[in-house]
Amino acid sequence: MSQTIDNPAALIEGLERGQTLPARWYTDPAVTEQELQQVFSKTWAYVGPANELKNVGDYITGQVLMADGGMVLV
């Protein structure tokens, strides 16, 4: 699914004035799905600071939501 921005220049101008993104971008499941596919599935997911893993056997727990709807527990 591909969402388009009707007027990108107006959106950027509004952001520069301190306005927020359109409200539906925070609540629309289609926007969330698009973010998962196009942004978060292409990068490493931060789970915790490396300095908490100083010793052999140290671990950090966390959850990472996958683009396909799955979840990885680390």
N, C-alpha and C. Protein backbone atom coordinates (compact mmCIF):
# COMPACT_ATOMS: atom_id res chain seq x y z
N MET A 1 0.84 -1.18 0.00
CA MET A 1 0.00 0.00 0.00
C MET A 1 0.88 1.23 0.00
N SER A 2 0.52 2.21 -0.77
CA SER A 2 1.30 3.44 -0.84
C SER A 2 0.41 4.64 -0.56
N GLN A 3 0.81 5.39 0.43
CA GLN A 3 0.09 6.61 0.77
C GLN A 3 0.82 7.78 0.10
N THR A 4 0.08 8.76 -0.36
CA THR A 4 0.72 9.93 -0.93
C THR A 4 0.39 11.15 -0.08
N ILE A 5 1.22 12.13 -0.18
CA ILE A 5 1.00 13.41 0.49
C ILE A 5 0.49 14.37 -0.58
N ASP A 6 -0.69 14.92 -0.36
CA ASP A 6 -1.29 15.80 -1.37
C ASP A 6 -0.44 17.03 -1.64
N ASN A 7 0.12 17.63 -0.59
CA ASN A 7 0.90 18.85 -0.76
C ASN A 7 2.11 18.79 0.17
N PRO A 8 3.19 18.14 -0.27
CA PRO A 8 4.37 17.99 0.59
C PRO A 8 4.95 19.32 1.07
N ALA A 9 4.96 20.33 0.20
CA ALA A 9 5.52 21.63 0.59
C ALA A 9 4.73 22.24 1.74
N ALA A 10 3.40 22.15 1.69
CA ALA A 10 2.57 22.68 2.77
C ALA A 10 2.79 21.91 4.06
N LEU A 11 2.97 20.60 3.95
CA LEU A 11 3.24 19.79 5.13
C LEU A 11 4.55 20.22 5.79
N ILE A 12 5.58 20.37 5.00
CA ILE A 12 6.89 20.78 5.53
C ILE A 12 6.82 22.17 6.13
N GLU A 13 6.14 23.09 5.46
CA GLU A 13 5.98 24.45 6.00
C GLU A 13 5.27 24.42 7.34
N GLY A 14 4.22 23.60 7.45
CA GLY A 14 3.51 23.48 8.72
C GLY A 14 4.39 22.91 9.82
N LEU A 15 5.19 21.91 9.50
CA LEU A 15 6.11 21.34 10.49
C LEU A 15 7.12 22.38 10.95
N GLU A 16 7.60 23.20 10.03
CA GLU A 16 8.56 24.25 10.39
C GLU A 16 7.93 25.31 11.29
N ARG A 17 6.60 25.47 11.20
CA ARG A 17 5.89 26.42 12.07
C ARG A 17 5.50 25.78 13.40
N GLY A 18 5.81 24.50 13.58
CA GLY A 18 5.50 23.83 14.83
C GLY A 18 4.22 23.02 14.81
N GLN A 19 3.59 22.89 13.64
CA GLN A 19 2.40 22.06 13.54
C GLN A 19 2.81 20.59 13.56
N THR A 20 1.86 19.72 13.86
CA THR A 20 2.14 18.30 13.88
C THR A 20 1.77 17.67 12.54
N LEU A 21 2.07 16.40 12.43
CA LEU A 21 1.64 15.63 11.26
C LEU A 21 0.13 15.51 11.29
N PRO A 22 -0.49 15.20 10.15
CA PRO A 22 -1.94 15.00 10.15
C PRO A 22 -2.35 13.95 11.19
N ALA A 23 -3.46 14.20 11.90
CA ALA A 23 -3.88 13.35 13.01
C ALA A 23 -4.01 11.88 12.63
N ARG A 24 -4.50 11.59 11.44
CA ARG A 24 -4.69 10.19 11.05
C ARG A 24 -3.38 9.43 10.96
N TRP A 25 -2.26 10.14 10.78
CA TRP A 25 -0.97 9.47 10.70
C TRP A 25 -0.61 8.80 12.03
N TYR A 26 -1.24 9.24 13.12
CA TYR A 26 -0.97 8.66 14.43
C TYR A 26 -1.90 7.49 14.75
N THR A 27 -3.01 7.36 14.04
CA THR A 27 -4.02 6.37 14.40
C THR A 27 -4.40 5.41 13.28
N ASP A 28 -4.07 5.70 12.06
CA ASP A 28 -4.48 4.89 10.91
C ASP A 28 -3.63 3.62 10.81
N PRO A 29 -4.23 2.43 10.92
CA PRO A 29 -3.47 1.19 10.80
C PRO A 29 -2.71 1.08 9.47
N ALA A 30 -3.22 1.66 8.41
CA ALA A 30 -2.52 1.60 7.12
C ALA A 30 -1.21 2.39 7.18
N VAL A 31 -1.21 3.50 7.90
CA VAL A 31 0.02 4.29 8.05
C VAL A 31 1.03 3.49 8.88
N THR A 32 0.55 2.86 9.94
CA THR A 32 1.43 2.03 10.77
C THR A 32 2.05 0.91 9.94
N GLU A 33 1.25 0.26 9.15
CA GLU A 33 1.75 -0.83 8.30
C GLU A 33 2.80 -0.32 7.32
N GLN A 34 2.53 0.84 6.73
CA GLN A 34 3.48 1.42 5.79
C GLN A 34 4.80 1.76 6.48
N GLU A 35 4.74 2.30 7.70
CA GLU A 35 5.95 2.61 8.46
C GLU A 35 6.73 1.33 8.76
N LEU A 36 6.02 0.28 9.17
CA LEU A 36 6.70 -0.98 9.47
C LEU A 36 7.42 -1.51 8.24
N GLN A 37 6.76 -1.45 7.09
CA GLN A 37 7.35 -1.98 5.85
C GLN A 37 8.49 -1.12 5.33
N GLN A 38 8.29 0.20 5.32
CA GLN A 38 9.24 1.08 4.64
C GLN A 38 10.31 1.68 5.54
N VAL A 39 10.11 1.67 6.84
CA VAL A 39 11.09 2.28 7.74
C VAL A 39 11.69 1.24 8.68
N PHE A 40 10.87 0.67 9.53
CA PHE A 40 11.38 -0.14 10.62
C PHE A 40 11.89 -1.50 10.22
N SER A 41 11.41 -2.06 9.11
CA SER A 41 11.90 -3.38 8.70
C SER A 41 13.25 -3.30 7.98
N LYS A 42 13.72 -2.10 7.72
CA LYS A 42 14.97 -1.94 6.97
C LYS A 42 16.14 -1.51 7.86
N THR A 43 15.91 -1.43 9.17
CA THR A 43 16.96 -0.95 10.05
C THR A 43 17.09 -1.86 11.26
N TRP A 44 18.18 -1.74 11.96
CA TRP A 44 18.35 -2.43 13.22
C TRP A 44 17.38 -1.82 14.23
N ALA A 45 16.91 -2.63 15.16
CA ALA A 45 16.00 -2.16 16.20
C ALA A 45 16.79 -2.02 17.50
N TYR A 46 16.74 -0.85 18.10
CA TYR A 46 17.42 -0.60 19.36
C TYR A 46 16.68 -1.32 20.48
N VAL A 47 17.38 -2.11 21.27
CA VAL A 47 16.77 -2.82 22.39
C VAL A 47 17.32 -2.30 23.71
N GLY A 48 18.58 -1.92 23.75
CA GLY A 48 19.15 -1.41 24.99
C GLY A 48 20.60 -1.00 24.78
N PRO A 49 21.16 -0.32 25.80
CA PRO A 49 22.54 0.17 25.68
C PRO A 49 23.56 -0.95 25.80
N ALA A 50 24.59 -0.88 24.99
CA ALA A 50 25.64 -1.90 24.98
C ALA A 50 26.38 -1.97 26.30
N ASN A 51 26.43 -0.86 27.04
CA ASN A 51 27.17 -0.88 28.30
C ASN A 51 26.50 -1.75 29.37
N GLU A 52 25.27 -2.21 29.10
CA GLU A 52 24.62 -3.16 30.00
C GLU A 52 25.01 -4.60 29.68
N LEU A 53 25.85 -4.78 28.68
CA LEU A 53 26.29 -6.12 28.26
C LEU A 53 27.80 -6.26 28.41
N LYS A 54 28.31 -5.88 29.56
CA LYS A 54 29.77 -5.87 29.77
C LYS A 54 30.35 -7.26 30.01
N ASN A 55 29.57 -8.13 30.66
CA ASN A 55 30.09 -9.42 31.07
C ASN A 55 29.45 -10.57 30.29
N VAL A 56 30.19 -11.67 30.17
CA VAL A 56 29.63 -12.86 29.54
C VAL A 56 28.40 -13.28 30.34
N GLY A 57 27.29 -13.53 29.65
CA GLY A 57 26.06 -13.93 30.31
C GLY A 57 25.10 -12.78 30.59
N ASP A 58 25.56 -11.53 30.45
CA ASP A 58 24.66 -10.39 30.60
C ASP A 58 23.64 -10.39 29.47
N TYR A 59 22.44 -9.92 29.75
CA TYR A 59 21.42 -9.88 28.70
C TYR A 59 20.44 -8.74 28.97
N ILE A 60 19.74 -8.36 27.92
CA ILE A 60 18.69 -7.36 27.97
C ILE A 60 17.46 -8.00 27.35
N THR A 61 16.30 -7.76 27.92
CA THR A 61 15.07 -8.27 27.31
C THR A 61 14.31 -7.13 26.67
N GLY A 62 13.61 -7.43 25.61
CA GLY A 62 12.80 -6.44 24.93
C GLY A 62 11.95 -7.09 23.86
N GLN A 63 11.09 -6.32 23.25
CA GLN A 63 10.22 -6.80 22.19
C GLN A 63 10.40 -5.93 20.96
N VAL A 64 10.42 -6.57 19.79
CA VAL A 64 10.53 -5.86 18.52
C VAL A 64 9.39 -6.32 17.63
N LEU A 65 8.52 -5.39 17.23
CA LEU A 65 7.41 -5.70 16.34
C LEU A 65 7.92 -5.79 14.91
N MET A 66 7.58 -6.87 14.23
CA MET A 66 8.05 -7.10 12.87
C MET A 66 7.02 -6.58 11.87
N ALA A 67 7.46 -6.29 10.67
CA ALA A 67 6.60 -5.75 9.62
C ALA A 67 5.48 -6.71 9.25
N ASP A 68 5.72 -8.01 9.40
CA ASP A 68 4.69 -8.99 9.05
C ASP A 68 3.70 -9.23 10.18
N GLY A 69 3.79 -8.43 11.24
CA GLY A 69 2.88 -8.56 12.37
C GLY A 69 3.41 -9.45 13.45
N GLY A 70 4.51 -10.13 13.20
CA GLY A 70 5.11 -10.98 14.22
C GLY A 70 5.87 -10.15 15.24
N MET A 71 6.34 -10.82 16.25
CA MET A 71 7.10 -10.14 17.30
C MET A 71 8.30 -11.00 17.65
N VAL A 72 9.43 -10.36 17.86
CA VAL A 72 10.62 -11.05 18.29
C VAL A 72 10.91 -10.63 19.72
N LEU A 73 11.09 -11.58 20.59
CA LEU A 73 11.48 -11.29 21.96
C LEU A 73 12.96 -11.51 22.07
N VAL A 74 13.67 -10.52 22.54
CA VAL A 74 15.12 -10.64 22.67
C VAL A 74 15.51 -10.37 24.11
